[in-house]
Amino acid sequence: MSCFTEIILFKRMLKMLSLKKITSFIHKEGWRFAAIFFSASILSLMVWIPLAVLGFLLTFFVIWFFRDPERVTPNIKDKIISPADGKICLIDKASPPAELSLDTKEMLRICIFMNVFNVHVNRSPIEGVVEKITYKAGSFLNASLDKASEKNERNSLIINSGNKKIVVVQIAGLIARRIIGFIKDGDKIKAGERFGLIRFGSRVDVYLPKGSVEDVKVGDIVKAGETIIGSL
């Protein structure tokens, strides 16, 4: 096969791919970072080629990090869906963040640790109304540590499903430096709907009301918007 024929086939393959599908698979937050790394890589070509190669690799990593695949959310009454991709790192009984001012003292807590290789778009664990969103500044400890729930920067949400309240807490990690929200107080949200994103490694804690039970165990791998992690 001649080089000319290979070029023609490559062009035809590109036409067959849907640009809309490719761009929609990556969250819009990622394209800005990818553009920065790509521009720096182009400039590096004039300085040192190995540095440019590293820059191009980082560009592809950033694009891949911000992937936002579609998910099929189970429609089962009283089931809690995972808000994050990652690994269950802790299941215990704990009080929700003090800044939420909830009357309850103890809830079932399920903690999900996201490393830099996980999808970082967060999804609602249940259908309901966003009753309250509270941000609290803090440290940037390793998100897998128990004390990260109390010490680290976080964004807490109360979702009222009508007769039960679920608390979801986005926690910044050692590398994560920004928590991004897509919703506001009073918004209605469906189970599996995107509500936020945490950049570069972090953790999400889910607090379930008394009487709830976990459907996962420590060490389980879960997917946001798909995996059932608990039952009301």
Protein backbone atom coordinates (compact mmCIF):
# COMPACT_ATOMS: atom_id res chain seq x y z
CA MET A 1 0.00 0.00 0.00
CA SER A 2 1.46 3.36 -1.04
CA CYS A 3 1.93 6.26 1.35
CA PHE A 4 -0.58 8.28 -0.70
CA THR A 5 -3.24 5.57 -0.28
CA GLU A 6 -2.62 5.43 3.48
CA ILE A 7 -3.15 9.20 3.74
CA ILE A 8 -6.44 8.95 1.82
CA LEU A 9 -7.68 6.15 4.12
CA PHE A 10 -6.69 8.13 7.22
CA LYS A 11 -8.64 11.16 5.99
CA ARG A 12 -11.70 9.01 5.34
CA MET A 13 -11.47 7.55 8.85
CA LEU A 14 -11.40 11.04 10.37
CA LYS A 15 -14.55 11.96 8.42
CA MET A 16 -16.30 8.88 9.80
CA LEU A 17 -15.60 10.01 13.37
CA SER A 18 -18.12 12.43 14.87
CA LEU A 19 -16.37 15.53 16.25
CA LYS A 20 -19.48 16.24 18.33
CA LYS A 21 -19.23 12.84 20.02
CA ILE A 22 -15.54 13.34 20.78
CA THR A 23 -15.99 16.81 22.29
CA SER A 24 -19.07 15.82 24.31
CA PHE A 25 -17.12 12.94 25.86
CA ILE A 26 -14.73 15.47 27.42
CA HIS A 27 -16.06 17.92 29.98
CA LYS A 28 -15.77 21.55 28.87
CA GLU A 29 -13.56 22.35 31.90
CA GLY A 30 -10.85 20.18 30.34
CA TRP A 31 -10.45 21.97 27.02
CA ARG A 32 -9.03 25.13 28.61
CA PHE A 33 -6.29 23.17 30.40
CA ALA A 34 -5.58 21.12 27.28
CA ALA A 35 -5.16 24.33 25.26
CA ILE A 36 -2.66 25.70 27.80
CA PHE A 37 -0.55 22.52 27.78
CA PHE A 38 -0.74 22.24 24.00
CA SER A 39 0.36 25.85 23.49
CA ALA A 40 3.26 25.37 25.91
CA SER A 41 4.25 22.20 24.04
CA ILE A 42 4.35 24.04 20.69
CA LEU A 43 6.59 26.74 22.19
CA SER A 44 8.82 24.06 23.73
CA LEU A 45 9.57 22.66 20.27
CA MET A 46 11.77 25.70 19.71
CA VAL A 47 13.60 25.15 22.99
CA TRP A 48 14.02 21.43 23.68
CA ILE A 49 12.19 18.60 21.90
CA PRO A 50 12.05 16.19 24.90
CA LEU A 51 10.28 18.94 26.88
CA ALA A 52 7.79 19.36 24.03
CA VAL A 53 7.15 15.60 23.97
CA LEU A 54 6.41 15.71 27.70
CA GLY A 55 4.08 18.62 27.10
CA PHE A 56 2.13 16.75 24.43
CA LEU A 57 1.82 13.73 26.74
CA LEU A 58 0.46 15.99 29.51
CA THR A 59 -1.98 17.49 27.01
CA PHE A 60 -3.40 14.06 26.22
CA PHE A 61 -3.51 13.19 29.93
CA VAL A 62 -5.52 16.35 30.73
CA ILE A 63 -8.00 15.59 27.94
CA TRP A 64 -8.37 12.03 29.22
CA PHE A 65 -8.67 13.16 32.85
CA PHE A 66 -11.66 15.36 32.05
CA ARG A 67 -13.59 12.63 30.26
CA ASP A 68 -17.31 12.67 30.99
CA PRO A 69 -18.91 9.44 29.72
CA GLU A 70 -22.64 8.89 29.68
CA ARG A 71 -23.99 6.60 32.41
CA VAL A 72 -27.13 4.47 32.74
CA THR A 73 -28.61 5.17 36.18
CA PRO A 74 -30.74 2.46 37.84
CA ASN A 75 -34.31 3.61 38.55
CA ILE A 76 -34.98 1.70 41.77
CA LYS A 77 -36.90 3.24 44.65
CA ASP A 78 -34.98 4.00 47.86
CA LYS A 79 -31.62 3.06 46.34
CA ILE A 80 -28.60 5.35 46.65
CA ILE A 81 -26.38 5.67 43.59
CA SER A 82 -22.66 6.35 43.81
CA PRO A 83 -21.87 10.07 43.29
CA ALA A 84 -18.30 9.35 42.21
CA ASP A 85 -16.03 6.92 40.41
CA GLY A 86 -13.41 5.32 42.62
CA LYS A 87 -12.87 2.95 45.52
CA ILE A 88 -14.85 2.66 48.76
CA CYS A 89 -12.25 3.66 51.34
CA LEU A 90 -14.39 3.90 54.49
CA ILE A 91 -17.84 2.96 55.79
CA ASP A 92 -18.80 4.12 59.28
CA LYS A 93 -21.21 6.18 61.38
CA ALA A 94 -20.40 9.88 61.59
CA SER A 95 -21.89 13.34 62.02
CA PRO A 96 -22.36 15.37 58.84
CA PRO A 97 -20.30 18.58 58.42
CA ALA A 98 -21.09 21.06 61.20
CA GLU A 99 -21.56 23.95 58.75
CA LEU A 100 -24.74 22.30 57.42
CA SER A 101 -26.40 22.76 60.85
CA LEU A 102 -28.36 19.50 60.66
CA ASP A 103 -30.13 18.30 63.78
CA THR A 104 -29.04 14.69 63.30
CA LYS A 105 -25.88 13.64 65.15
CA GLU A 106 -25.07 10.37 63.42
CA MET A 107 -25.55 9.10 59.88
CA LEU A 108 -24.27 6.19 57.83
CA ARG A 109 -21.21 7.49 55.96
CA ILE A 110 -19.85 5.91 52.77
CA CYS A 111 -16.58 7.40 51.52
CA ILE A 112 -15.31 7.12 47.94
CA PHE A 113 -11.69 7.90 47.07
CA MET A 114 -10.97 9.11 43.53
CA ASN A 115 -7.42 8.86 42.20
CA VAL A 116 -6.13 10.84 39.21
CA PHE A 117 -7.14 8.03 36.84
CA ASN A 118 -10.85 8.06 37.75
CA VAL A 119 -13.60 10.07 36.08
CA HIS A 120 -13.98 13.18 38.26
CA VAL A 121 -17.47 14.36 37.30
CA ASN A 122 -19.80 13.87 40.29
CA ARG A 123 -23.44 12.78 40.00
CA SER A 124 -26.42 12.99 42.33
CA PRO A 125 -27.02 9.83 44.41
CA ILE A 126 -30.78 10.38 44.52
CA GLU A 127 -33.58 12.45 43.02
CA GLY A 128 -34.66 15.46 45.03
CA VAL A 129 -34.25 19.17 45.70
CA VAL A 130 -30.93 20.79 46.59
CA GLU A 131 -31.83 22.21 49.98
CA LYS A 132 -28.46 23.72 50.89
CA ILE A 133 -24.92 24.05 49.54
CA THR A 134 -22.10 25.11 51.85
CA TYR A 135 -18.43 25.64 51.03
CA LYS A 136 -15.69 25.45 53.69
CA ALA A 137 -12.03 26.28 53.17
CA GLY A 138 -9.46 23.89 54.58
CA SER A 139 -6.27 21.90 54.08
CA PHE A 140 -5.23 19.62 51.22
CA LEU A 141 -4.31 16.40 53.00
CA ASN A 142 -4.34 13.02 51.26
CA ALA A 143 -8.05 12.48 50.62
CA SER A 144 -7.85 8.79 51.58
CA LEU A 145 -7.06 9.70 55.22
CA ASP A 146 -9.91 9.65 57.76
CA LYS A 147 -9.15 13.17 58.96
CA ALA A 148 -9.55 14.54 55.41
CA SER A 149 -13.34 14.66 55.99
CA GLU A 150 -12.82 17.18 58.78
CA LYS A 151 -9.64 19.02 57.80
CA ASN A 152 -9.76 19.40 54.03
CA GLU A 153 -11.44 21.98 51.85
CA ARG A 154 -14.95 20.78 51.04
CA ASN A 155 -18.29 21.55 49.45
CA SER A 156 -21.34 20.03 51.17
CA LEU A 157 -24.83 19.51 49.74
CA ILE A 158 -28.12 18.53 51.34
CA ILE A 159 -30.46 16.79 48.89
CA ASN A 160 -34.05 16.43 50.10
CA SER A 161 -35.82 13.50 48.44
CA GLY A 162 -39.16 14.40 50.00
CA ASN A 163 -39.10 12.34 53.17
CA LYS A 164 -35.35 11.80 53.57
CA LYS A 165 -32.28 14.00 53.47
CA ILE A 166 -29.01 12.85 51.92
CA VAL A 167 -25.72 14.69 52.44
CA VAL A 168 -23.01 14.65 49.77
CA VAL A 169 -19.60 16.16 50.52
CA GLN A 170 -16.99 16.90 47.85
CA ILE A 171 -13.57 16.90 49.48
CA ALA A 172 -10.40 18.33 47.92
CA GLY A 173 -7.33 16.10 48.10
CA LEU A 174 -3.55 16.32 48.05
CA ILE A 175 -3.48 17.36 44.39
CA ALA A 176 -7.03 18.64 43.93
CA ARG A 177 -7.16 22.39 44.31
CA ARG A 178 -10.60 23.34 43.12
CA ILE A 179 -14.13 22.06 43.63
CA ILE A 180 -16.53 23.08 40.88
CA GLY A 181 -20.32 23.05 41.27
CA PHE A 182 -22.94 23.00 38.51
CA ILE A 183 -26.01 23.55 40.69
CA LYS A 184 -27.41 26.01 43.25
CA ASP A 185 -29.78 26.03 46.23
CA GLY A 186 -33.34 25.15 45.28
CA ASP A 187 -32.48 23.27 42.10
CA LYS A 188 -34.29 20.03 41.36
CA ILE A 189 -31.93 17.21 40.52
CA LYS A 190 -32.38 13.69 39.19
CA ALA A 191 -30.51 10.60 40.33
CA GLY A 192 -27.36 10.32 38.24
CA GLU A 193 -27.46 13.96 37.14
CA ARG A 194 -24.12 15.80 37.11
CA PHE A 195 -23.75 18.27 39.97
CA GLY A 196 -20.03 19.01 40.17
CA LEU A 197 -16.41 18.16 39.51
CA ILE A 198 -13.22 18.05 41.56
CA ARG A 199 -9.94 18.60 39.77
CA PHE A 200 -7.08 16.10 40.09
CA GLY A 201 -7.65 13.48 42.80
CA SER A 202 -10.10 13.78 45.68
CA ARG A 203 -12.90 12.16 47.66
CA VAL A 204 -16.69 12.21 48.00
CA ASP A 205 -18.53 11.26 51.22
CA VAL A 206 -22.21 10.31 51.28
CA TYR A 207 -24.20 10.53 54.52
CA LEU A 208 -27.39 8.46 54.67
CA PRO A 209 -30.16 8.83 57.29
CA LYS A 210 -30.54 6.51 60.25
CA GLY A 211 -31.88 3.10 59.28
CA SER A 212 -30.13 3.06 55.90
CA VAL A 213 -27.87 0.16 54.96
CA GLU A 214 -24.80 -0.03 52.75
CA ASP A 215 -24.81 -2.22 49.63
CA VAL A 216 -21.03 -2.07 49.18
CA LYS A 217 -17.96 -2.87 51.26
CA VAL A 218 -14.55 -1.26 51.73
CA GLY A 219 -12.38 -1.91 48.70
CA ASP A 220 -15.24 -2.09 46.18
CA ILE A 221 -14.83 -0.17 42.92
CA VAL A 222 -17.85 2.00 42.06
CA LYS A 223 -19.03 4.15 39.15
CA ALA A 224 -20.79 7.50 39.45
CA GLY A 225 -24.40 7.38 38.32
CA GLU A 226 -24.46 3.59 38.01
CA THR A 227 -23.33 1.66 41.10
CA ILE A 228 -25.86 1.21 43.94
CA ILE A 229 -24.02 1.88 47.20
CA GLY A 230 -26.86 1.91 49.75
CA SER A 231 -30.55 1.59 50.53
CA LEU A 232 -32.84 3.90 52.51
